[in-house]
Amino acid sequence: MLTRSLLRLGFRSLSRTQPRSIQQVRCFSGVSEESAGDSGMLPESRFEGVGQPFEQKIVGVLSQSLDDSEVVLAKDGTLKVSEDYYKDVLNKAFGIGGWALVPCGEIKDLAINEGGNEKEFVTLIREYALYCHERFVSQAFGETSFYPGKQYYSESAEKIKAVALARCCKDLGVASELWNKRWTDSWKSKYAVREWVENTSNNRKNQLWRKKNEEWSWPYKRTTYTKSY
């Protein structure tokens, strides 16, 4: 039903060609206004149904409290939940197939040539819109760093989609605790610790975060900071 509705609103299918080199990735940056209509851009009617509240049963699922065990701690101290968490909540609230994350255009890159030399990586971005029960909910960009020759392009494309999904779900109140600094600080004080560690592969030292019930794994090892003069 949702697929038919999106087609009725004027969505077009996107090319699924995967670039194999950085030159091919860069071609996505050249989408002009004239070609936008053929590149999967969202139609003007995309905001139909916006501003209408969902029934209380759905609201209850979306606004459920975030369990501490669902939180993932990144080494830089960022707290997040998995992509599967967002999908599970949306499936419970709207039913499988009752929601869709629709691309608003092609993948673009933000690579910059410095001194005529190619950078080691490029930042890939793509905008998505979230629809639930045929209603426009939110629109956001997803991005990731892509290292040509070291990563699969398809995996980077999935990361972009996951970031956009998390940002769109923010407007639905899903895992809203992650955007509350007081809540995140409280979680860290209970479950995490920040320590000086050394990366044994390059001997660099930095302050990183880990869960209290976990230990550092290769290439990191705990160390002390010595100030040099």
N, C-alpha and C. Protein backbone atom coordinates (compact mmCIF):
# COMPACT_ATOMS: atom_id res chain seq x y z
N MET A 1 0.84 -1.21 0.00
CA MET A 1 0.00 0.00 0.00
C MET A 1 0.87 1.26 0.00
N LEU A 2 1.92 1.24 0.84
CA LEU A 2 2.79 2.41 0.93
C LEU A 2 3.52 2.64 -0.38
N THR A 3 3.96 1.56 -1.02
CA THR A 3 4.66 1.69 -2.29
C THR A 3 3.77 2.32 -3.35
N ARG A 4 2.51 1.86 -3.44
CA ARG A 4 1.58 2.42 -4.40
C ARG A 4 1.33 3.89 -4.13
N SER A 5 1.26 4.24 -2.84
CA SER A 5 1.01 5.63 -2.46
C SER A 5 2.17 6.53 -2.88
N LEU A 6 3.40 6.03 -2.69
CA LEU A 6 4.56 6.83 -3.08
C LEU A 6 4.60 7.01 -4.59
N LEU A 7 4.25 5.98 -5.31
CA LEU A 7 4.20 6.10 -6.77
C LEU A 7 3.14 7.10 -7.19
N ARG A 8 2.00 7.09 -6.45
CA ARG A 8 0.92 8.02 -6.77
C ARG A 8 1.37 9.46 -6.54
N LEU A 9 2.26 9.66 -5.55
CA LEU A 9 2.77 10.99 -5.26
C LEU A 9 3.81 11.44 -6.28
N GLY A 10 4.27 10.51 -7.11
CA GLY A 10 5.17 10.91 -8.18
C GLY A 10 6.60 10.48 -8.01
N PHE A 11 6.89 9.53 -7.10
CA PHE A 11 8.27 9.08 -6.90
C PHE A 11 8.70 8.25 -8.10
N ARG A 12 9.97 8.36 -8.43
CA ARG A 12 10.52 7.59 -9.53
C ARG A 12 11.62 6.69 -8.99
N SER A 13 11.86 5.62 -9.69
CA SER A 13 12.89 4.68 -9.26
C SER A 13 14.26 5.29 -9.48
N LEU A 14 15.22 4.91 -8.62
CA LEU A 14 16.57 5.42 -8.70
C LEU A 14 17.49 4.40 -9.32
N SER A 15 18.54 4.87 -9.96
CA SER A 15 19.54 3.97 -10.50
C SER A 15 20.27 3.29 -9.37
N ARG A 16 20.52 2.00 -9.49
CA ARG A 16 21.21 1.25 -8.45
C ARG A 16 22.66 0.95 -8.84
N THR A 17 23.17 1.69 -9.80
CA THR A 17 24.54 1.47 -10.24
C THR A 17 25.49 1.85 -9.12
N GLN A 18 26.46 1.00 -8.81
CA GLN A 18 27.42 1.27 -7.77
C GLN A 18 28.75 1.65 -8.40
N PRO A 19 29.28 2.86 -8.09
CA PRO A 19 30.56 3.27 -8.65
C PRO A 19 31.69 2.42 -8.11
N ARG A 20 32.70 2.19 -8.92
CA ARG A 20 33.82 1.34 -8.52
C ARG A 20 35.07 2.13 -8.23
N SER A 21 35.07 3.40 -8.54
CA SER A 21 36.25 4.21 -8.30
C SER A 21 35.84 5.58 -7.81
N ILE A 22 36.83 6.34 -7.33
CA ILE A 22 36.52 7.67 -6.81
C ILE A 22 36.04 8.59 -7.92
N GLN A 23 36.54 8.37 -9.18
CA GLN A 23 36.06 9.19 -10.28
C GLN A 23 34.59 8.94 -10.53
N GLN A 24 34.15 7.69 -10.41
CA GLN A 24 32.74 7.38 -10.62
C GLN A 24 31.88 7.92 -9.50
N VAL A 25 32.41 7.90 -8.26
CA VAL A 25 31.66 8.46 -7.14
C VAL A 25 31.42 9.94 -7.36
N ARG A 26 32.45 10.63 -7.87
CA ARG A 26 32.37 12.06 -8.00
C ARG A 26 31.31 12.49 -9.00
N CYS A 27 30.96 11.63 -9.92
CA CYS A 27 29.98 11.99 -10.95
C CYS A 27 28.61 12.27 -10.35
N PHE A 28 28.36 11.77 -9.13
CA PHE A 28 27.06 12.00 -8.51
C PHE A 28 26.89 13.45 -8.08
N SER A 29 27.99 14.22 -8.02
CA SER A 29 27.89 15.61 -7.58
C SER A 29 27.33 16.51 -8.65
N GLY A 30 27.26 16.03 -9.88
CA GLY A 30 26.87 16.89 -10.97
C GLY A 30 25.41 16.84 -11.33
N VAL A 31 24.51 16.67 -10.35
CA VAL A 31 23.08 16.66 -10.65
C VAL A 31 22.59 18.09 -10.78
N SER A 32 22.14 18.46 -11.97
CA SER A 32 21.69 19.83 -12.22
C SER A 32 20.21 19.95 -11.94
N GLU A 33 19.72 21.20 -11.90
CA GLU A 33 18.30 21.42 -11.67
C GLU A 33 17.48 20.84 -12.82
N GLU A 34 18.04 20.89 -14.04
CA GLU A 34 17.31 20.38 -15.18
C GLU A 34 17.12 18.87 -15.11
N SER A 35 18.12 18.17 -14.52
CA SER A 35 18.05 16.71 -14.46
C SER A 35 17.46 16.21 -13.16
N ALA A 36 17.15 17.14 -12.24
CA ALA A 36 16.67 16.72 -10.93
C ALA A 36 15.38 15.92 -11.03
N GLY A 37 14.55 16.25 -12.00
CA GLY A 37 13.29 15.54 -12.15
C GLY A 37 13.47 14.09 -12.51
N ASP A 38 14.63 13.73 -13.06
CA ASP A 38 14.87 12.35 -13.46
C ASP A 38 15.81 11.63 -12.51
N SER A 39 16.16 12.26 -11.38
CA SER A 39 17.15 11.67 -10.49
C SER A 39 16.53 11.18 -9.19
N GLY A 40 15.20 11.05 -9.15
CA GLY A 40 14.57 10.53 -7.95
C GLY A 40 14.22 11.58 -6.93
N MET A 41 14.22 12.87 -7.31
CA MET A 41 13.89 13.92 -6.37
C MET A 41 12.43 13.79 -5.95
N LEU A 42 12.14 14.24 -4.72
CA LEU A 42 10.78 14.14 -4.21
C LEU A 42 9.87 15.14 -4.90
N PRO A 43 8.63 14.77 -5.17
CA PRO A 43 7.68 15.67 -5.83
C PRO A 43 7.16 16.72 -4.86
N GLU A 44 6.51 17.75 -5.42
CA GLU A 44 6.00 18.84 -4.61
C GLU A 44 4.94 18.35 -3.61
N SER A 45 4.24 17.27 -3.93
CA SER A 45 3.16 16.78 -3.07
C SER A 45 3.67 15.92 -1.92
N ARG A 46 5.00 15.93 -1.69
CA ARG A 46 5.57 15.04 -0.68
C ARG A 46 5.13 15.37 0.74
N PHE A 47 4.61 16.58 0.98
CA PHE A 47 4.23 16.97 2.33
C PHE A 47 2.78 16.68 2.65
N GLU A 48 2.10 15.90 1.82
CA GLU A 48 0.71 15.56 2.09
C GLU A 48 0.60 14.79 3.41
N GLY A 49 -0.36 15.17 4.24
CA GLY A 49 -0.58 14.48 5.50
C GLY A 49 0.27 14.98 6.64
N VAL A 50 1.12 15.99 6.40
CA VAL A 50 2.00 16.47 7.45
C VAL A 50 1.19 17.20 8.52
N GLY A 51 1.60 17.06 9.77
CA GLY A 51 0.97 17.76 10.88
C GLY A 51 -0.22 17.06 11.49
N GLN A 52 -0.56 15.86 11.01
CA GLN A 52 -1.69 15.13 11.57
C GLN A 52 -1.17 14.15 12.62
N PRO A 53 -1.68 14.20 13.86
CA PRO A 53 -1.18 13.33 14.93
C PRO A 53 -1.54 11.87 14.68
N PHE A 54 -0.65 10.99 15.13
CA PHE A 54 -0.92 9.55 15.06
C PHE A 54 -1.75 9.14 16.27
N GLU A 55 -2.40 8.00 16.17
CA GLU A 55 -3.22 7.53 17.28
C GLU A 55 -2.35 7.21 18.49
N GLN A 56 -2.97 7.20 19.66
CA GLN A 56 -2.23 7.06 20.91
C GLN A 56 -1.47 5.75 21.02
N LYS A 57 -1.99 4.68 20.41
CA LYS A 57 -1.29 3.40 20.46
C LYS A 57 0.07 3.51 19.79
N ILE A 58 0.11 4.21 18.67
CA ILE A 58 1.36 4.41 17.95
C ILE A 58 2.29 5.33 18.73
N VAL A 59 1.73 6.38 19.28
CA VAL A 59 2.51 7.33 20.07
C VAL A 59 3.17 6.63 21.25
N GLY A 60 2.45 5.70 21.88
CA GLY A 60 2.99 4.98 23.02
C GLY A 60 4.22 4.15 22.66
N VAL A 61 4.18 3.54 21.47
CA VAL A 61 5.33 2.74 21.02
C VAL A 61 6.52 3.63 20.71
N LEU A 62 6.27 4.74 20.03
CA LEU A 62 7.35 5.64 19.63
C LEU A 62 8.02 6.31 20.82
N SER A 63 7.25 6.61 21.83
CA SER A 63 7.78 7.37 22.98
C SER A 63 8.22 6.50 24.14
N GLN A 64 8.32 5.19 23.93
CA GLN A 64 8.75 4.31 25.02
C GLN A 64 10.15 4.67 25.49
N SER A 65 10.40 4.52 26.78
CA SER A 65 11.69 4.86 27.36
C SER A 65 12.80 3.98 26.80
N LEU A 66 13.95 4.57 26.63
CA LEU A 66 15.09 3.84 26.09
C LEU A 66 15.75 3.03 27.20
N ASP A 67 15.87 1.73 26.99
CA ASP A 67 16.53 0.85 27.95
C ASP A 67 18.04 1.09 27.90
N ASP A 68 18.65 1.18 29.08
CA ASP A 68 20.10 1.45 29.14
C ASP A 68 20.91 0.42 28.37
N SER A 69 20.45 -0.82 28.32
CA SER A 69 21.20 -1.88 27.66
C SER A 69 21.22 -1.74 26.14
N GLU A 70 20.33 -0.92 25.59
CA GLU A 70 20.27 -0.73 24.13
C GLU A 70 21.30 0.28 23.64
N VAL A 71 21.90 1.01 24.55
CA VAL A 71 22.81 2.09 24.17
C VAL A 71 24.18 1.54 23.78
N VAL A 72 24.70 2.09 22.68
CA VAL A 72 26.03 1.73 22.18
C VAL A 72 26.96 2.91 22.43
N LEU A 73 28.12 2.64 23.04
CA LEU A 73 29.08 3.69 23.35
C LEU A 73 30.22 3.68 22.34
N ALA A 74 30.42 4.80 21.67
CA ALA A 74 31.55 4.94 20.75
C ALA A 74 32.78 5.40 21.54
N LYS A 75 33.95 5.16 20.99
CA LYS A 75 35.19 5.50 21.69
C LYS A 75 35.35 7.00 21.92
N ASP A 76 34.69 7.81 21.09
CA ASP A 76 34.77 9.26 21.29
C ASP A 76 33.75 9.76 22.30
N GLY A 77 32.98 8.84 22.89
CA GLY A 77 32.00 9.21 23.91
C GLY A 77 30.60 9.41 23.38
N THR A 78 30.42 9.29 22.08
CA THR A 78 29.08 9.44 21.49
C THR A 78 28.20 8.25 21.85
N LEU A 79 26.97 8.51 22.23
CA LEU A 79 26.00 7.46 22.53
C LEU A 79 25.00 7.34 21.39
N LYS A 80 24.67 6.12 21.04
CA LYS A 80 23.72 5.88 19.96
C LYS A 80 23.04 4.54 20.18
N VAL A 81 22.07 4.23 19.34
CA VAL A 81 21.47 2.90 19.32
C VAL A 81 21.64 2.36 17.90
N SER A 82 21.47 1.06 17.75
CA SER A 82 21.69 0.43 16.46
C SER A 82 20.60 0.79 15.46
N GLU A 83 20.90 0.60 14.19
CA GLU A 83 19.91 0.81 13.14
C GLU A 83 18.72 -0.13 13.33
N ASP A 84 19.00 -1.35 13.78
CA ASP A 84 17.92 -2.32 14.00
C ASP A 84 16.94 -1.84 15.07
N TYR A 85 17.45 -1.11 16.07
CA TYR A 85 16.56 -0.59 17.12
C TYR A 85 15.50 0.32 16.51
N TYR A 86 15.94 1.27 15.66
CA TYR A 86 14.99 2.18 15.03
C TYR A 86 13.99 1.42 14.16
N LYS A 87 14.49 0.45 13.41
CA LYS A 87 13.61 -0.32 12.54
C LYS A 87 12.58 -1.12 13.34
N ASP A 88 13.02 -1.71 14.46
CA ASP A 88 12.10 -2.48 15.30
C ASP A 88 10.99 -1.60 15.86
N VAL A 89 11.35 -0.40 16.31
CA VAL A 89 10.34 0.51 16.85
C VAL A 89 9.35 0.92 15.77
N LEU A 90 9.84 1.24 14.59
CA LEU A 90 8.96 1.64 13.49
C LEU A 90 8.06 0.48 13.06
N ASN A 91 8.60 -0.73 13.04
CA ASN A 91 7.79 -1.90 12.67
C ASN A 91 6.69 -2.15 13.70
N LYS A 92 7.01 -1.98 14.98
CA LYS A 92 6.01 -2.18 16.02
C LYS A 92 4.94 -1.09 15.97
N ALA A 93 5.35 0.12 15.65
CA ALA A 93 4.41 1.24 15.65
C ALA A 93 3.53 1.26 14.41
N PHE A 94 4.11 1.01 13.24
CA PHE A 94 3.37 1.19 11.98
C PHE A 94 3.14 -0.12 11.22
N GLY A 95 3.76 -1.20 11.67
CA GLY A 95 3.63 -2.46 10.97
C GLY A 95 4.70 -2.60 9.90
N ILE A 96 5.08 -3.84 9.61
CA ILE A 96 6.07 -4.08 8.57
C ILE A 96 5.51 -3.63 7.22
N GLY A 97 6.22 -2.75 6.55
CA GLY A 97 5.75 -2.19 5.28
C GLY A 97 4.94 -0.94 5.45
N GLY A 98 4.68 -0.54 6.69
CA GLY A 98 3.88 0.66 6.95
C GLY A 98 4.69 1.93 7.02
N TRP A 99 5.99 1.82 6.78
CA TRP A 99 6.84 3.02 6.76
C TRP A 99 7.90 2.83 5.68
N ALA A 100 8.49 3.93 5.25
CA ALA A 100 9.52 3.85 4.21
C ALA A 100 10.46 5.03 4.32
N LEU A 101 11.76 4.76 4.13
CA LEU A 101 12.77 5.81 4.07
C LEU A 101 13.12 6.01 2.60
N VAL A 102 12.66 7.14 2.06
CA VAL A 102 12.73 7.38 0.62
C VAL A 102 13.88 8.33 0.29
N PRO A 103 14.78 7.94 -0.63
CA PRO A 103 15.88 8.84 -1.03
C PRO A 103 15.36 10.05 -1.78
N CYS A 104 15.91 11.22 -1.48
CA CYS A 104 15.48 12.47 -2.13
C CYS A 104 16.37 12.83 -3.32
N GLY A 105 17.34 12.04 -3.61
CA GLY A 105 18.24 12.33 -4.71
C GLY A 105 19.36 11.30 -4.75
N GLU A 106 20.38 11.56 -5.54
CA GLU A 106 21.50 10.64 -5.66
C GLU A 106 22.52 10.88 -4.55
N ILE A 107 23.44 9.93 -4.39
CA ILE A 107 24.55 10.11 -3.46
C ILE A 107 25.51 11.14 -4.04
N LYS A 108 25.95 12.06 -3.20
CA LYS A 108 26.92 13.08 -3.62
C LYS A 108 28.16 12.98 -2.74
N ASP A 109 29.26 13.51 -3.23
CA ASP A 109 30.48 13.51 -2.42
C ASP A 109 30.97 14.93 -2.20
N LEU A 110 31.68 15.12 -1.09
CA LEU A 110 32.19 16.43 -0.72
C LEU A 110 33.71 16.45 -0.77
N ALA A 111 34.29 15.69 -1.70
CA ALA A 111 35.74 15.62 -1.81
C ALA A 111 36.30 16.97 -2.23
N ILE A 112 37.46 17.30 -1.68
CA ILE A 112 38.13 18.55 -2.02
C ILE A 112 39.57 18.24 -2.40
N ASN A 113 40.01 18.75 -3.52
CA ASN A 113 41.39 18.57 -3.94
C ASN A 113 42.26 19.58 -3.22
N GLU A 114 43.31 19.13 -2.57
CA GLU A 114 44.23 20.01 -1.87
C GLU A 114 45.58 19.95 -2.57
N GLY A 115 45.96 21.05 -3.20
CA GLY A 115 47.23 21.07 -3.91
C GLY A 115 47.27 20.13 -5.09
N GLY A 116 46.10 19.83 -5.66
CA GLY A 116 46.05 18.94 -6.81
C GLY A 116 46.10 17.48 -6.47
N ASN A 117 46.18 17.15 -5.19
CA ASN A 117 46.26 15.76 -4.76
C ASN A 117 44.91 15.27 -4.26
N GLU A 118 44.62 14.01 -4.51
CA GLU A 118 43.37 13.42 -4.03
C GLU A 118 43.46 13.18 -2.52
N LYS A 119 42.41 13.49 -1.80
CA LYS A 119 42.37 13.18 -0.38
C LYS A 119 42.24 11.67 -0.20
N GLU A 120 42.65 11.21 0.98
CA GLU A 120 42.60 9.78 1.25
C GLU A 120 41.17 9.27 1.28
N PHE A 121 40.23 10.14 1.65
CA PHE A 121 38.82 9.73 1.72
C PHE A 121 37.93 10.86 1.23
N VAL A 122 36.68 10.54 0.98
CA VAL A 122 35.68 11.54 0.64
C VAL A 122 34.49 11.36 1.58
N THR A 123 33.76 12.44 1.77
CA THR A 123 32.54 12.38 2.57
C THR A 123 31.36 12.23 1.62
N LEU A 124 30.64 11.12 1.77
CA LEU A 124 29.46 10.87 0.94
C LEU A 124 28.21 11.28 1.69
N ILE A 125 27.28 11.93 1.01
CA ILE A 125 26.03 12.37 1.64
C ILE A 125 24.85 12.02 0.74
N ARG A 126 23.69 11.85 1.37
CA ARG A 126 22.45 11.65 0.64
C ARG A 126 21.30 12.04 1.54
N GLU A 127 20.28 12.67 0.99
CA GLU A 127 19.12 13.10 1.76
C GLU A 127 18.00 12.08 1.62
N TYR A 128 17.31 11.83 2.74
CA TYR A 128 16.20 10.89 2.76
C TYR A 128 14.99 11.54 3.43
N ALA A 129 13.81 11.03 3.10
CA ALA A 129 12.57 11.45 3.75
C ALA A 129 11.89 10.21 4.34
N LEU A 130 11.38 10.35 5.55
CA LEU A 130 10.70 9.25 6.22
C LEU A 130 9.19 9.43 6.09
N TYR A 131 8.53 8.36 5.60
CA TYR A 131 7.07 8.34 5.48
C TYR A 131 6.52 7.22 6.36
N CYS A 132 5.46 7.52 7.11
CA CYS A 132 4.81 6.54 7.97
C CYS A 132 3.31 6.59 7.73
N HIS A 133 2.72 5.46 7.39
CA HIS A 133 1.30 5.40 7.05
C HIS A 133 0.93 6.48 6.03
N GLU A 134 1.75 6.56 4.99
CA GLU A 134 1.51 7.45 3.86
C GLU A 134 1.62 8.93 4.21
N ARG A 135 2.23 9.25 5.34
CA ARG A 135 2.40 10.63 5.75
C ARG A 135 3.87 11.00 5.78
N PHE A 136 4.17 12.21 5.31
CA PHE A 136 5.53 12.73 5.45
C PHE A 136 5.79 13.00 6.92
N VAL A 137 6.95 12.51 7.42
CA VAL A 137 7.29 12.70 8.83
C VAL A 137 8.49 13.61 9.00
N SER A 138 9.57 13.30 8.27
CA SER A 138 10.79 14.06 8.47
C SER A 138 11.71 13.89 7.27
N GLN A 139 12.70 14.76 7.19
CA GLN A 139 13.67 14.71 6.09
C GLN A 139 15.03 15.08 6.66
N ALA A 140 16.08 14.30 6.31
CA ALA A 140 17.41 14.55 6.88
C ALA A 140 18.49 13.99 5.97
N PHE A 141 19.69 14.51 6.13
CA PHE A 141 20.85 14.01 5.42
C PHE A 141 21.54 12.92 6.22
N GLY A 142 22.11 11.98 5.52
CA GLY A 142 23.00 11.00 6.12
C GLY A 142 24.35 11.16 5.46
N GLU A 143 25.44 10.87 6.19
CA GLU A 143 26.76 10.99 5.61
C GLU A 143 27.71 9.97 6.22
N THR A 144 28.80 9.73 5.54
CA THR A 144 29.84 8.84 6.04
C THR A 144 31.13 9.12 5.29
N SER A 145 32.25 8.73 5.88
CA SER A 145 33.54 8.84 5.20
C SER A 145 33.79 7.57 4.39
N PHE A 146 34.19 7.75 3.15
CA PHE A 146 34.43 6.62 2.25
C PHE A 146 35.88 6.61 1.81
N TYR A 147 36.56 5.47 2.04
CA TYR A 147 37.96 5.31 1.67
C TYR A 147 38.05 4.42 0.42
N PRO A 148 38.22 5.01 -0.75
CA PRO A 148 38.28 4.21 -1.98
C PRO A 148 39.41 3.18 -1.92
N GLY A 149 39.10 1.97 -2.32
CA GLY A 149 40.09 0.91 -2.32
C GLY A 149 40.21 0.18 -1.00
N LYS A 150 39.63 0.76 0.06
CA LYS A 150 39.71 0.15 1.38
C LYS A 150 38.35 -0.26 1.92
N GLN A 151 37.31 0.25 1.33
CA GLN A 151 35.94 -0.05 1.77
C GLN A 151 35.07 -0.41 0.58
N TYR A 152 34.02 -1.14 0.85
CA TYR A 152 33.02 -1.41 -0.17
C TYR A 152 32.08 -0.21 -0.26
N TYR A 153 31.82 0.24 -1.46
CA TYR A 153 30.93 1.38 -1.66
C TYR A 153 29.54 1.08 -1.13
N SER A 154 29.08 -0.17 -1.33
CA SER A 154 27.74 -0.55 -0.90
C SER A 154 27.58 -0.43 0.61
N GLU A 155 28.63 -0.78 1.37
CA GLU A 155 28.56 -0.67 2.83
C GLU A 155 28.50 0.79 3.26
N SER A 156 29.24 1.65 2.58
CA SER A 156 29.19 3.09 2.89
C SER A 156 27.81 3.65 2.59
N ALA A 157 27.18 3.18 1.52
CA ALA A 157 25.83 3.64 1.19
C ALA A 157 24.84 3.26 2.28
N GLU A 158 25.02 2.07 2.86
CA GLU A 158 24.14 1.63 3.95
C GLU A 158 24.34 2.48 5.20
N LYS A 159 25.58 2.90 5.46
CA LYS A 159 25.85 3.76 6.61
C LYS A 159 25.17 5.11 6.47
N ILE A 160 25.18 5.64 5.25
CA ILE A 160 24.50 6.91 4.99
C ILE A 160 23.02 6.79 5.32
N LYS A 161 22.42 5.70 4.89
CA LYS A 161 20.99 5.47 5.12
C LYS A 161 20.70 5.33 6.61
N ALA A 162 21.58 4.64 7.35
CA ALA A 162 21.37 4.44 8.78
C ALA A 162 21.43 5.77 9.54
N VAL A 163 22.36 6.64 9.17
CA VAL A 163 22.47 7.95 9.82
C VAL A 163 21.23 8.79 9.56
N ALA A 164 20.76 8.77 8.32
CA ALA A 164 19.56 9.53 7.97
C ALA A 164 18.34 9.00 8.72
N LEU A 165 18.25 7.68 8.88
CA LEU A 165 17.11 7.09 9.60
C LEU A 165 17.10 7.55 11.05
N ALA A 166 18.25 7.55 11.71
CA ALA A 166 18.33 8.00 13.10
C ALA A 166 17.89 9.45 13.23
N ARG A 167 18.30 10.28 12.30
CA ARG A 167 17.95 11.70 12.37
C ARG A 167 16.47 11.94 12.10
N CYS A 168 15.91 11.16 11.18
CA CYS A 168 14.48 11.29 10.90
C CYS A 168 13.65 10.83 12.10
N CYS A 169 14.10 9.75 12.75
CA CYS A 169 13.36 9.22 13.89
C CYS A 169 13.38 10.18 15.08
N LYS A 170 14.33 11.08 15.09
CA LYS A 170 14.40 12.08 16.16
C LYS A 170 13.11 12.88 16.23
N ASP A 171 12.52 13.20 15.07
CA ASP A 171 11.29 13.99 15.03
C ASP A 171 10.09 13.19 15.54
N LEU A 172 10.21 11.86 15.60
CA LEU A 172 9.15 11.02 16.15
C LEU A 172 9.36 10.76 17.64
N GLY A 173 10.46 11.24 18.18
CA GLY A 173 10.75 11.04 19.60
C GLY A 173 11.36 9.69 19.93
N VAL A 174 11.79 8.94 18.92
CA VAL A 174 12.39 7.62 19.15
C VAL A 174 13.80 7.81 19.71
N ALA A 175 14.07 7.16 20.85
CA ALA A 175 15.38 7.27 21.52
C ALA A 175 15.76 8.73 21.75
N SER A 176 14.77 9.53 22.12
CA SER A 176 15.01 10.96 22.32
C SER A 176 15.97 11.24 23.46
N GLU A 177 16.17 10.27 24.33
CA GLU A 177 17.10 10.46 25.44
C GLU A 177 18.52 10.75 24.95
N LEU A 178 18.85 10.22 23.78
CA LEU A 178 20.21 10.40 23.25
C LEU A 178 20.50 11.85 22.89
N TRP A 179 19.46 12.67 22.77
CA TRP A 179 19.65 14.08 22.43
C TRP A 179 19.57 14.96 23.68
N ASN A 180 19.45 14.31 24.84
CA ASN A 180 19.37 15.03 26.12
C ASN A 180 20.70 14.90 26.85
N LYS A 181 21.44 16.00 26.95
CA LYS A 181 22.79 15.96 27.54
C LYS A 181 22.77 15.49 28.99
N ARG A 182 21.76 15.90 29.74
CA ARG A 182 21.68 15.47 31.13
C ARG A 182 21.53 13.95 31.22
N TRP A 183 20.74 13.37 30.32
CA TRP A 183 20.54 11.92 30.32
C TRP A 183 21.81 11.20 29.90
N THR A 184 22.48 11.68 28.84
CA THR A 184 23.69 11.03 28.37
C THR A 184 24.82 11.13 29.40
N ASP A 185 24.92 12.26 30.08
CA ASP A 185 25.94 12.40 31.13
C ASP A 185 25.68 11.42 32.27
N SER A 186 24.40 11.24 32.61
CA SER A 186 24.04 10.30 33.67
C SER A 186 24.37 8.87 33.27
N TRP A 187 24.10 8.52 32.01
CA TRP A 187 24.40 7.17 31.52
C TRP A 187 25.90 6.90 31.58
N LYS A 188 26.69 7.87 31.18
CA LYS A 188 28.15 7.69 31.18
C LYS A 188 28.69 7.52 32.59
N SER A 189 28.14 8.28 33.53
CA SER A 189 28.62 8.17 34.91
C SER A 189 28.31 6.80 35.51
N LYS A 190 27.25 6.14 35.01
CA LYS A 190 26.88 4.82 35.52
C LYS A 190 27.66 3.70 34.85
N TYR A 191 27.84 3.82 33.54
CA TYR A 191 28.32 2.66 32.77
C TYR A 191 29.66 2.85 32.06
N ALA A 192 30.20 4.05 32.03
CA ALA A 192 31.38 4.28 31.21
C ALA A 192 32.50 4.97 31.97
N VAL A 193 33.70 4.89 31.40
CA VAL A 193 34.87 5.55 31.97
C VAL A 193 35.74 6.05 30.82
N ARG A 194 36.36 7.19 31.05
CA ARG A 194 37.25 7.78 30.05
C ARG A 194 38.69 7.63 30.52
N GLU A 195 39.54 7.07 29.66
CA GLU A 195 40.92 6.77 30.05
C GLU A 195 41.90 7.16 28.95
N TRP A 196 43.17 7.33 29.38
CA TRP A 196 44.24 7.52 28.42
C TRP A 196 44.63 6.15 27.88
N VAL A 197 44.67 6.04 26.56
CA VAL A 197 45.06 4.79 25.92
C VAL A 197 46.08 5.07 24.83
N GLU A 198 46.83 4.04 24.48
CA GLU A 198 47.83 4.14 23.40
C GLU A 198 47.45 3.19 22.28
N ASN A 199 47.49 3.72 21.07
CA ASN A 199 47.27 2.89 19.90
C ASN A 199 48.60 2.25 19.53
N THR A 200 48.73 0.95 19.77
CA THR A 200 50.01 0.27 19.60
C THR A 200 50.46 0.19 18.14
N SER A 201 49.56 0.49 17.21
CA SER A 201 49.94 0.42 15.80
C SER A 201 50.66 1.68 15.34
N ASN A 202 50.43 2.81 16.06
CA ASN A 202 51.11 4.06 15.68
C ASN A 202 51.66 4.83 16.87
N ASN A 203 51.53 4.24 18.10
CA ASN A 203 52.07 4.84 19.33
C ASN A 203 51.43 6.17 19.70
N ARG A 204 50.25 6.42 19.19
CA ARG A 204 49.56 7.65 19.54
C ARG A 204 48.73 7.46 20.80
N LYS A 205 48.71 8.51 21.63
CA LYS A 205 47.96 8.46 22.87
C LYS A 205 46.76 9.40 22.78
N ASN A 206 45.67 8.97 23.41
CA ASN A 206 44.46 9.79 23.38
C ASN A 206 43.55 9.37 24.51
N GLN A 207 42.60 10.22 24.85
CA GLN A 207 41.59 9.89 25.85
C GLN A 207 40.36 9.34 25.14
N LEU A 208 40.02 8.09 25.45
CA LEU A 208 38.88 7.45 24.83
C LEU A 208 37.95 6.86 25.89
N TRP A 209 36.74 6.51 25.46
CA TRP A 209 35.73 5.97 26.36
C TRP A 209 35.57 4.46 26.18
N ARG A 210 35.25 3.77 27.26
CA ARG A 210 34.88 2.36 27.22
C ARG A 210 33.84 2.09 28.30
N LYS A 211 33.11 0.99 28.14
CA LYS A 211 32.18 0.58 29.18
C LYS A 211 32.96 0.01 30.36
N LYS A 212 32.45 0.20 31.57
CA LYS A 212 33.15 -0.26 32.76
C LYS A 212 33.29 -1.77 32.81
N ASN A 213 32.37 -2.49 32.19
CA ASN A 213 32.41 -3.95 32.21
C ASN A 213 33.16 -4.54 31.02
N GLU A 214 33.87 -3.70 30.27
CA GLU A 214 34.66 -4.16 29.14
C GLU A 214 36.10 -3.70 29.29
N GLU A 215 37.02 -4.40 28.62
CA GLU A 215 38.43 -4.05 28.64
C GLU A 215 38.86 -3.62 27.25
N TRP A 216 39.99 -2.91 27.20
CA TRP A 216 40.51 -2.47 25.92
C TRP A 216 41.02 -3.66 25.11
N SER A 217 40.79 -3.62 23.83
CA SER A 217 41.26 -4.67 22.93
C SER A 217 42.21 -4.06 21.90
N TRP A 218 42.95 -4.93 21.22
CA TRP A 218 43.92 -4.47 20.23
C TRP A 218 43.24 -3.57 19.19
N PRO A 219 43.89 -2.46 18.80
CA PRO A 219 45.29 -2.10 19.09
C PRO A 219 45.47 -1.18 20.29
N TYR A 220 44.44 -1.05 21.14
CA TYR A 220 44.53 -0.11 22.25
C TYR A 220 44.98 -0.79 23.53
N LYS A 221 45.75 -0.05 24.33
CA LYS A 221 46.12 -0.50 25.67
C LYS A 221 46.13 0.71 26.59
N ARG A 222 45.79 0.47 27.84
CA ARG A 222 45.72 1.56 28.81
C ARG A 222 47.12 2.10 29.09
N THR A 223 47.23 3.42 29.26
CA THR A 223 48.51 4.04 29.50
C THR A 223 48.32 5.26 30.38
N THR A 224 49.36 6.01 30.60
CA THR A 224 49.30 7.25 31.37
C THR A 224 49.76 8.38 30.50
N TYR A 225 49.29 9.56 30.83
CA TYR A 225 49.65 10.75 30.05
C TYR A 225 50.81 11.46 30.72
N THR A 226 51.86 11.67 29.95
CA THR A 226 53.03 12.39 30.45
C THR A 226 53.21 13.66 29.64
N LYS A 227 53.12 14.80 30.30
CA LYS A 227 53.24 16.06 29.60
C LYS A 227 54.70 16.36 29.29
N SER A 228 54.98 16.65 28.03
CA SER A 228 56.35 16.95 27.64
C SER A 228 56.54 18.47 27.56
N TYR A 229 57.73 18.91 27.90
CA TYR A 229 58.05 20.33 27.90
C TYR A 229 59.09 20.63 26.83
